[in-house]
Amino acid sequence: MRFMTIPASQVVDVTQLLDRLAALPRTGWLLRGVRPAESIAEHTLGVAVVASMLVDDLRARGEAVDGEKVLRMALVHDAAEVFTGDIPMPAKSQALDRALEEAERALLAPVLPPAMLALWDEAEACATLEARIVKAADKLQMLVKALSYEESGRASLDDFWKNPSSRKDMGLELAKAVFVELDRRAAVARPGR
């Protein structure tokens, strides 16, 4: 990661830019009738919380992992959604994903400091342990939120539970165990489904 001094104006600009995520709801919840729906900023906080626990678990298992990098990456992993909004999984294809990633990078490059942009790039590539942790945390947080919405009677979210792309454990033992726990709790909250 390359660090550089950052002008005060960029601190204000980036903070204001990313603050817009608080006003953008997660589209997947809206499409399924959940109102009010979690914002992208709320999701980002949840991803950072889950990622920090995954880091702690990996360290307890003897893995070397850069926890600061994971948390920084979690904070910017959805930064481009300031420009594009939250495009739900059913609308995405591999071709759209590639085109979207290129467009998002072009939009982020002029505004994010180089170190933040590099972390966003790394998260998109998902080739490092730290990026895999963020990806797993992203999916885990989403299903935890789906469970919370169902337990509170706000929605029936069958397609989230049945979609294999919702269950990317990225080879992390704790992530696998959390998916099993989520399924156990969902069976209680969703009898007969």
Protein backbone atom coordinates (compact mmCIF):
# COMPACT_ATOMS: atom_id res chain seq x y z
CA MET A 1 0.00 0.00 0.00
CA ARG A 2 1.39 3.38 -0.97
CA PHE A 3 0.82 6.19 1.51
CA MET A 4 1.10 9.86 0.67
CA THR A 5 0.25 13.02 2.53
CA ILE A 6 -3.35 13.97 1.94
CA PRO A 7 -4.54 17.56 1.50
CA ALA A 8 -7.12 18.74 4.03
CA SER A 9 -9.53 19.49 1.19
CA GLN A 10 -9.42 15.84 0.07
CA VAL A 11 -10.26 14.65 3.59
CA VAL A 12 -13.39 16.82 3.51
CA ASP A 13 -14.26 15.83 -0.07
CA VAL A 14 -13.88 12.08 0.44
CA THR A 15 -15.74 12.14 3.75
CA GLN A 16 -18.63 14.07 2.19
CA LEU A 17 -18.66 11.76 -0.80
CA LEU A 18 -18.78 8.56 1.24
CA ASP A 19 -21.32 10.10 3.62
CA ARG A 20 -23.81 9.89 0.73
CA LEU A 21 -23.84 6.10 1.26
CA ALA A 22 -25.95 6.72 4.38
CA ALA A 23 -28.80 7.98 2.19
CA LEU A 24 -28.64 5.11 -0.32
CA PRO A 25 -30.71 2.05 0.60
CA ARG A 26 -29.61 -1.46 -0.35
CA THR A 27 -31.64 -2.16 -3.47
CA GLY A 28 -32.05 -5.89 -2.84
CA TRP A 29 -34.07 -5.17 0.29
CA LEU A 30 -36.23 -2.55 -1.46
CA LEU A 31 -37.00 -4.95 -4.32
CA ARG A 32 -38.34 -7.41 -1.74
CA GLY A 33 -40.54 -4.87 0.03
CA VAL A 34 -38.33 -4.12 3.04
CA ARG A 35 -38.96 -0.53 4.10
CA PRO A 36 -37.14 1.20 5.56
CA ALA A 37 -34.17 -0.71 4.22
CA GLU A 38 -30.60 -0.85 5.45
CA SER A 39 -28.40 1.81 3.84
CA ILE A 40 -25.14 1.05 2.07
CA ALA A 41 -23.33 2.82 4.94
CA GLU A 42 -25.03 0.57 7.51
CA HIS A 43 -24.03 -2.45 5.44
CA THR A 44 -20.43 -1.18 5.32
CA LEU A 45 -20.31 -0.94 9.10
CA GLY A 46 -21.70 -4.48 9.39
CA VAL A 47 -19.09 -5.79 6.96
CA ALA A 48 -16.31 -4.15 8.99
CA VAL A 49 -17.65 -5.72 12.22
CA VAL A 50 -17.89 -9.21 10.68
CA ALA A 51 -14.48 -8.82 9.01
CA SER A 52 -12.85 -7.89 12.33
CA MET A 53 -14.16 -11.11 13.89
CA LEU A 54 -12.94 -13.16 10.92
CA VAL A 55 -9.49 -11.56 11.36
CA ASP A 56 -9.46 -12.43 15.07
CA ASP A 57 -10.43 -16.02 14.30
CA LEU A 58 -7.70 -16.39 11.66
CA ARG A 59 -5.11 -14.99 14.04
CA ALA A 60 -6.26 -17.43 16.75
CA ARG A 61 -5.67 -20.21 14.20
CA GLY A 62 -2.10 -19.00 13.64
CA GLU A 63 -2.68 -17.17 10.32
CA ALA A 64 -0.81 -13.96 9.60
CA VAL A 65 -3.33 -11.39 8.45
CA ASP A 66 -3.18 -7.60 8.13
CA GLY A 67 -6.22 -6.59 10.17
CA GLU A 68 -5.80 -2.87 9.55
CA LYS A 69 -5.80 -3.53 5.81
CA VAL A 70 -8.95 -5.65 6.13
CA LEU A 71 -10.83 -2.92 8.00
CA ARG A 72 -9.66 -0.21 5.61
CA MET A 73 -10.73 -2.38 2.68
CA ALA A 74 -14.11 -3.08 4.27
CA LEU A 75 -14.69 0.67 4.63
CA VAL A 76 -14.16 1.32 0.90
CA HIS A 77 -15.41 -1.93 -0.66
CA ASP A 78 -18.72 -0.33 -1.73
CA ALA A 79 -17.41 3.23 -2.23
CA ALA A 80 -18.28 3.24 -5.94
CA GLU A 81 -21.94 2.77 -5.10
CA VAL A 82 -21.97 6.50 -4.34
CA PHE A 83 -21.98 6.88 -8.12
CA THR A 84 -23.76 3.74 -9.32
CA GLY A 85 -26.12 2.93 -6.48
CA ASP A 86 -26.54 -0.63 -5.27
CA ILE A 87 -27.06 -2.88 -8.28
CA PRO A 88 -28.72 -6.08 -7.03
CA MET A 89 -27.36 -9.56 -7.79
CA PRO A 90 -30.25 -10.64 -10.05
CA ALA A 91 -29.39 -7.81 -12.47
CA LYS A 92 -25.71 -8.67 -12.66
CA SER A 93 -23.91 -10.83 -15.21
CA GLN A 94 -20.19 -11.43 -15.72
CA ALA A 95 -20.13 -8.95 -18.58
CA LEU A 96 -21.99 -6.31 -16.56
CA ASP A 97 -19.68 -6.93 -13.58
CA ARG A 98 -16.59 -6.30 -15.73
CA ALA A 99 -18.03 -3.17 -17.34
CA LEU A 100 -19.27 -1.89 -14.00
CA GLU A 101 -15.89 -2.44 -12.34
CA GLU A 102 -14.16 -0.44 -15.09
CA ALA A 103 -16.70 2.39 -14.83
CA GLU A 104 -16.53 2.40 -11.03
CA ARG A 105 -12.74 2.60 -11.04
CA ALA A 106 -12.84 5.48 -13.51
CA LEU A 107 -15.27 7.32 -11.22
CA LEU A 108 -13.29 6.62 -8.03
CA ALA A 109 -9.77 7.29 -9.37
CA PRO A 110 -10.06 11.10 -9.38
CA VAL A 111 -11.54 11.32 -5.88
CA LEU A 112 -10.03 8.65 -3.62
CA PRO A 113 -6.48 8.97 -2.26
CA PRO A 114 -4.15 6.42 -3.91
CA ALA A 115 -4.00 4.15 -0.84
CA MET A 116 -7.81 3.95 -0.64
CA LEU A 117 -8.13 3.33 -4.38
CA ALA A 118 -5.53 0.55 -4.15
CA LEU A 119 -7.58 -1.12 -1.40
CA TRP A 120 -10.75 -0.83 -3.49
CA ASP A 121 -8.87 -2.42 -6.42
CA GLU A 122 -7.61 -5.21 -4.17
CA ALA A 123 -11.11 -5.88 -2.86
CA GLU A 124 -12.43 -6.09 -6.42
CA ALA A 125 -9.68 -8.52 -7.48
CA CYS A 126 -10.32 -10.69 -4.41
CA ALA A 127 -6.91 -12.36 -4.76
CA THR A 128 -5.44 -11.76 -1.30
CA LEU A 129 -6.41 -13.21 2.07
CA GLU A 130 -7.48 -9.75 3.22
CA ALA A 131 -9.75 -9.28 0.19
CA ARG A 132 -11.23 -12.77 0.70
CA ILE A 133 -12.03 -11.85 4.30
CA VAL A 134 -13.90 -8.74 3.14
CA LYS A 135 -15.79 -10.75 0.48
CA ALA A 136 -16.83 -13.38 3.03
CA ALA A 137 -17.82 -10.67 5.52
CA ASP A 138 -19.90 -8.98 2.79
CA LYS A 139 -21.90 -12.16 2.19
CA LEU A 140 -22.19 -13.04 5.88
CA GLN A 141 -23.45 -9.58 6.81
CA MET A 142 -26.05 -9.78 4.05
CA LEU A 143 -27.46 -13.09 5.32
CA VAL A 144 -27.36 -11.93 8.94
CA LYS A 145 -29.44 -8.93 7.84
CA ALA A 146 -31.81 -11.20 5.89
CA LEU A 147 -32.26 -13.30 9.03
CA SER A 148 -32.93 -10.16 11.10
CA TYR A 149 -35.54 -8.94 8.62
CA GLU A 150 -37.27 -12.32 8.61
CA GLU A 151 -37.16 -12.73 12.39
CA SER A 152 -38.82 -9.33 12.76
CA GLY A 153 -41.53 -10.31 10.25
CA ARG A 154 -40.54 -7.59 7.78
CA ALA A 155 -39.96 -9.82 4.77
CA SER A 156 -39.73 -13.30 3.31
CA LEU A 157 -36.35 -13.56 1.64
CA ASP A 158 -36.26 -17.07 0.17
CA ASP A 159 -34.13 -16.10 -2.81
CA PHE A 160 -31.34 -14.85 -0.55
CA TRP A 161 -31.21 -18.23 1.22
CA LYS A 162 -31.38 -20.27 -1.99
CA ASN A 163 -28.86 -18.27 -4.05
CA PRO A 164 -25.44 -20.02 -4.00
CA SER A 165 -23.66 -16.71 -4.60
CA SER A 166 -24.94 -15.57 -1.19
CA ARG A 167 -22.69 -18.18 0.44
CA LYS A 168 -19.12 -17.32 -0.42
CA ASP A 169 -17.10 -18.51 2.57
CA MET A 170 -13.83 -17.86 0.65
CA GLY A 171 -12.22 -20.88 2.32
CA LEU A 172 -12.47 -19.39 5.81
CA GLU A 173 -13.41 -21.87 8.54
CA LEU A 174 -15.31 -19.37 10.68
CA ALA A 175 -17.25 -18.14 7.65
CA LYS A 176 -18.30 -21.74 6.89
CA ALA A 177 -19.42 -22.19 10.50
CA VAL A 178 -21.37 -18.92 10.46
CA PHE A 179 -23.25 -20.00 7.31
CA VAL A 180 -24.19 -23.24 9.11
CA GLU A 181 -25.36 -21.23 12.15
CA LEU A 182 -27.36 -18.89 9.92
CA ASP A 183 -29.07 -21.89 8.30
CA ARG A 184 -29.86 -23.31 11.74
CA ARG A 185 -31.40 -20.05 12.89
CA ALA A 186 -33.23 -19.55 9.59
CA ALA A 187 -34.84 -22.98 9.99
CA VAL A 188 -36.29 -21.78 13.30
CA ALA A 189 -37.35 -18.39 11.94
CA ARG A 190 -38.69 -19.83 8.67
CA PRO A 191 -40.40 -23.13 9.55
CA GLY A 192 -41.62 -25.09 6.55
CA ARG A 193 -39.56 -23.17 4.01
